[in-house]
Structures are given as structure tokens and as C-alpha cells.
Amino acid sequence: MYKRVTLRDTVEVPPAHLADVTPGLVKRLLQDKLEGRMDEDVGSVVSVIDVHDIGEGAVVPGEEGVYFTAEFDALTFDPEMQEVVDGEIVEVVNFGAFVGIGPVDGLLHVSQISDEYLAYDEEGQMLSSRDSNRTLGVGDAVRARIVTKSIDERNPRDSKIGLTAKQVGLGKHGWLEEDRQKREATTEAGED
């Protein structure tokens, strides 16, 4: 889930920029420091938006720059357990598909896609069912639910998000549309 949050952090302003400590400069320094960083409390910092307040600054003996504490708004992405998310398949492997959900990827394990057996087609980069002829490949839009998450603050790329699509209303968008059309056809046939 994306959130706008107010945070406080400290940035070092290099000596060459001390004459021009502006919200714009502090924002750029905060962006360089924080964007893409994962934090257990707020999630992944996507963007620093506005700087509201810049403190007086502190000199630390032996350090060249001056340290300023700033209060600012940031856009964060914090996936929540049981949250339903839309994403796009970015990679298909023999054990499932990786789904891009915001700044992170989640794993949709093959056992969490369908009750049908799905075969892996390495050349076509897709999973396919022999029973229903449905396929799931790179670029497909899917709707899934977050069932596990393990956030690694030190190395955000090692964070793990587990997804499931084995629930009514979840799965590849094309499959959901097919199911909706079948339900409407059945309803219309029952009304005649």
C-alpha cells in the first residue's frame, strides 16, 4: 500500500553548499540518501516529496560537512499482509512467477496460481495448463493477495513477498474477465 508519511532524518550538507541550505538542496540530499531504502516501520521510500522544516545544523568534530535535521513528507510503499494487489508478471521460472507490485517483486508460487497442473515453458517464458489452455507469461496483469512478507532493511532486493491467486476474484486479469463472462452467460441462460 502506498502512503504519504511525515518523517524526520539528518543529512550532511557538504561545505561547498553551506551558503545555500534550501529546502530544494535538502530534498535532493534526502532523495539520494533515502529513495529505494527499505525501513521496517514505513516500508520502501519511493520518493521524498516536500521538505517542511530544516533545523539549525550541527558541526561534528572531524567531519567536513554540517548535519541538518529535516522534517519532510515522503511517499512510501509498505505491502500489508492479506492486501490484494494488482501487478504485472516480470519473470516466469519453473517454480512460479515474479510479480512487480510497486518497487518490489512478489513471488506467485506455481502451487498458488491454480488448482490445475501448470507446465513450465522455458522458451516461451510462460506457465500453461493442459486442461483449460490458460497461460501465464511475462507482461500479463494479475491480481493477487499478499500472504507472506519478510523485509530485509539492509538489502531490500533480498526482501521476500509471497502471493496467492487461489481465491475467487484473484488471478490473471484475462482469466477473471473470462470467468465473469461465463457467469453472465449462465445467469442469462437461467432467466430464459
Protein backbone atom coordinates (compact mmCIF):
# COMPACT_ATOMS: atom_id res chain seq x y z
CA MET A 1 0.00 0.00 0.00
CA TYR A 2 1.27 3.45 -0.88
CA LYS A 3 1.25 6.01 1.92
CA ARG A 4 2.24 9.63 2.34
CA VAL A 5 4.09 9.93 5.65
CA THR A 6 5.91 12.68 7.53
CA LEU A 7 9.43 11.70 8.57
CA ARG A 8 12.49 13.24 10.23
CA ASP A 9 16.05 12.47 9.20
CA THR A 10 19.50 14.03 9.18
CA VAL A 11 21.56 14.90 6.10
CA GLU A 12 25.11 16.09 5.73
CA VAL A 13 25.45 19.28 3.69
CA PRO A 14 28.92 19.48 2.08
CA PRO A 15 30.98 22.64 2.76
CA ALA A 16 30.57 23.86 -0.84
CA HIS A 17 26.78 24.13 -0.31
CA LEU A 18 26.64 25.69 3.17
CA ALA A 19 25.82 29.14 1.78
CA ASP A 20 22.71 27.75 0.10
CA VAL A 21 20.92 25.41 2.54
CA THR A 22 17.46 25.49 0.96
CA PRO A 23 14.54 23.06 1.02
CA GLY A 24 15.44 22.13 -2.57
CA LEU A 25 19.03 21.21 -1.65
CA VAL A 26 17.94 19.28 1.44
CA LYS A 27 15.28 17.47 -0.62
CA ARG A 28 17.91 16.34 -3.18
CA LEU A 29 20.21 15.14 -0.38
CA LEU A 30 17.34 13.25 1.27
CA GLN A 31 16.37 11.70 -2.08
CA ASP A 32 19.95 10.47 -2.61
CA LYS A 33 20.06 9.06 0.91
CA LEU A 34 16.60 7.52 1.28
CA GLU A 35 14.90 6.69 -2.01
CA GLY A 36 14.92 2.95 -2.58
CA ARG A 37 15.78 2.25 1.06
CA MET A 38 13.62 -0.21 2.95
CA ASP A 39 12.54 0.54 6.51
CA GLU A 40 10.67 -1.92 8.75
CA ASP A 41 8.36 0.82 10.06
CA VAL A 42 7.41 2.70 6.88
CA GLY A 43 8.30 0.27 4.07
CA SER A 44 10.20 1.30 0.96
CA VAL A 45 10.77 5.03 0.46
CA VAL A 46 9.63 5.70 -3.10
CA SER A 47 10.05 9.47 -3.18
CA VAL A 48 10.81 12.45 -0.95
CA ILE A 49 8.02 14.94 -1.73
CA ASP A 50 8.27 18.12 0.36
CA VAL A 51 10.69 19.45 2.98
CA HIS A 52 8.82 21.34 5.74
CA ASP A 53 11.41 22.24 8.32
CA ILE A 54 15.20 22.37 8.40
CA GLY A 55 16.96 22.58 11.76
CA GLU A 56 19.90 24.82 12.71
CA GLY A 57 22.57 22.32 11.72
CA ALA A 58 25.28 20.75 13.85
CA VAL A 59 29.01 20.60 13.39
CA VAL A 60 30.61 17.28 14.23
CA PRO A 61 34.35 17.44 15.07
CA GLY A 62 36.42 15.75 12.37
CA GLU A 63 33.61 15.89 9.78
CA GLU A 64 33.71 18.29 6.84
CA GLY A 65 30.00 18.98 6.39
CA VAL A 66 27.27 20.28 8.65
CA TYR A 67 24.44 17.96 9.71
CA PHE A 68 20.89 19.27 9.38
CA THR A 69 17.79 17.54 10.71
CA ALA A 70 14.81 17.96 8.42
CA GLU A 71 11.11 17.16 8.60
CA PHE A 72 9.65 16.09 5.27
CA ASP A 73 6.86 14.20 3.52
CA ALA A 74 7.67 11.03 1.64
CA LEU A 75 5.74 8.56 -0.49
CA THR A 76 6.30 5.03 0.78
CA PHE A 77 5.26 1.55 -0.29
CA ASP A 78 4.53 -0.85 2.55
CA PRO A 79 2.90 -4.13 1.48
CA GLU A 80 0.48 -5.34 4.13
CA MET A 81 -0.47 -8.91 4.95
CA GLN A 82 -3.70 -10.04 3.21
CA GLU A 83 -3.69 -6.92 0.99
CA VAL A 84 -4.98 -7.52 -2.54
CA VAL A 85 -2.62 -6.06 -5.15
CA ASP A 86 -2.52 -5.71 -8.92
CA GLY A 87 0.78 -6.28 -10.66
CA GLU A 88 2.50 -7.42 -13.82
CA ILE A 89 4.40 -10.64 -14.39
CA VAL A 90 8.06 -9.64 -14.76
CA GLU A 91 9.65 -13.12 -14.84
CA VAL A 92 8.46 -16.72 -15.13
CA VAL A 93 10.51 -19.58 -13.70
CA ASN A 94 9.84 -23.29 -13.26
CA PHE A 95 8.53 -22.80 -9.70
CA GLY A 96 6.27 -19.80 -10.36
CA ALA A 97 6.11 -16.19 -11.48
CA PHE A 98 7.54 -12.98 -10.10
CA VAL A 99 5.00 -10.15 -9.99
CA GLY A 100 6.02 -6.48 -9.96
CA ILE A 101 3.98 -4.79 -7.23
CA GLY A 102 5.28 -1.28 -6.82
CA PRO A 103 9.01 -1.03 -6.10
CA VAL A 104 9.30 -4.72 -5.13
CA ASP A 105 8.51 -8.08 -6.73
CA GLY A 106 6.39 -10.76 -5.13
CA LEU A 107 6.54 -14.49 -5.81
CA LEU A 108 3.43 -16.24 -7.05
CA HIS A 109 4.44 -19.86 -6.49
CA VAL A 110 3.09 -22.33 -9.05
CA SER A 111 1.05 -24.02 -6.29
CA GLN A 112 -0.64 -20.66 -5.55
CA ILE A 113 -1.74 -19.88 -9.11
CA SER A 114 -4.33 -22.53 -9.90
CA ASP A 115 -5.66 -25.94 -8.85
CA GLU A 116 -4.73 -27.15 -12.33
CA TYR A 117 -1.27 -28.54 -13.14
CA LEU A 118 0.80 -25.81 -14.79
CA ALA A 119 3.70 -26.80 -17.04
CA TYR A 120 6.71 -24.51 -17.44
CA ASP A 121 7.59 -23.45 -20.96
CA GLU A 122 11.13 -22.08 -20.68
CA GLU A 123 11.34 -20.99 -24.32
CA GLY A 124 8.02 -19.13 -24.23
CA GLN A 125 8.60 -17.83 -20.68
CA MET A 126 5.18 -18.98 -19.50
CA LEU A 127 3.25 -21.42 -17.38
CA SER A 128 0.39 -23.23 -19.12
CA SER A 129 -2.44 -25.59 -18.26
CA ARG A 130 -3.28 -28.53 -20.49
CA ASP A 131 -6.79 -28.77 -19.03
CA SER A 132 -8.04 -25.24 -19.70
CA ASN A 133 -5.39 -23.99 -22.17
CA ARG A 134 -4.81 -20.98 -19.92
CA THR A 135 -1.34 -19.44 -19.90
CA LEU A 136 0.51 -17.03 -17.63
CA GLY A 137 3.50 -15.16 -19.05
CA VAL A 138 5.71 -12.09 -18.82
CA GLY A 139 3.67 -8.91 -19.21
CA ASP A 140 0.37 -10.42 -18.03
CA ALA A 141 -1.58 -8.38 -15.47
CA VAL A 142 -2.58 -10.30 -12.35
CA ARG A 143 -4.47 -9.71 -9.12
CA ALA A 144 -3.13 -11.49 -6.05
CA ARG A 145 -3.18 -11.36 -2.26
CA ILE A 146 -0.09 -10.94 -0.05
CA VAL A 147 0.25 -13.98 2.22
CA THR A 148 3.86 -13.69 3.46
CA LYS A 149 6.40 -10.92 3.77
CA SER A 150 9.95 -10.78 5.03
CA ILE A 151 11.54 -7.34 4.75
CA ASP A 152 15.34 -7.08 4.63
CA GLU A 153 16.26 -3.49 5.55
CA ARG A 154 19.97 -3.92 4.78
CA ASN A 155 19.43 -5.34 1.32
CA PRO A 156 15.91 -4.51 0.06
CA ARG A 157 16.38 -6.71 -3.04
CA ASP A 158 16.51 -9.70 -0.66
CA SER A 159 13.07 -8.89 0.76
CA LYS A 160 10.53 -11.60 0.06
CA ILE A 161 6.82 -11.14 -0.64
CA GLY A 162 4.68 -14.26 -1.09
CA LEU A 163 1.47 -14.06 -3.12
CA THR A 164 -1.55 -16.25 -3.80
CA ALA A 165 -4.10 -16.15 -6.61
CA LYS A 166 -6.07 -19.22 -5.48
CA GLN A 167 -9.18 -17.41 -4.40
CA VAL A 168 -12.30 -16.28 -6.24
CA GLY A 169 -11.64 -12.88 -7.78
CA LEU A 170 -7.87 -13.36 -7.98
CA GLY A 171 -5.67 -14.43 -10.90
CA LYS A 172 -4.71 -13.23 -14.35
CA HIS A 173 -6.95 -10.34 -15.40
CA GLY A 174 -7.87 -12.14 -18.63
CA TRP A 175 -9.00 -15.20 -16.65
CA LEU A 176 -11.11 -13.03 -14.35
CA GLU A 177 -12.83 -11.48 -17.38
CA GLU A 178 -13.49 -14.95 -18.89
CA ASP A 179 -14.99 -16.12 -15.58
CA ARG A 180 -17.20 -13.00 -15.38
CA GLN A 181 -18.48 -13.56 -18.93
CA LYS A 182 -19.26 -17.24 -18.14
CA ARG A 183 -21.21 -16.21 -15.02
CA GLU A 184 -23.19 -13.63 -17.02
CA ALA A 185 -23.96 -16.18 -19.75
CA THR A 186 -25.12 -18.70 -17.16
CA THR A 187 -27.31 -16.07 -15.46
CA GLU A 188 -28.85 -15.00 -18.77
CA ALA A 189 -29.48 -18.65 -19.77
CA GLY A 190 -31.21 -19.25 -16.43
CA GLU A 191 -33.50 -16.24 -16.95
CA ASP A 192 -34.82 -17.51 -20.34
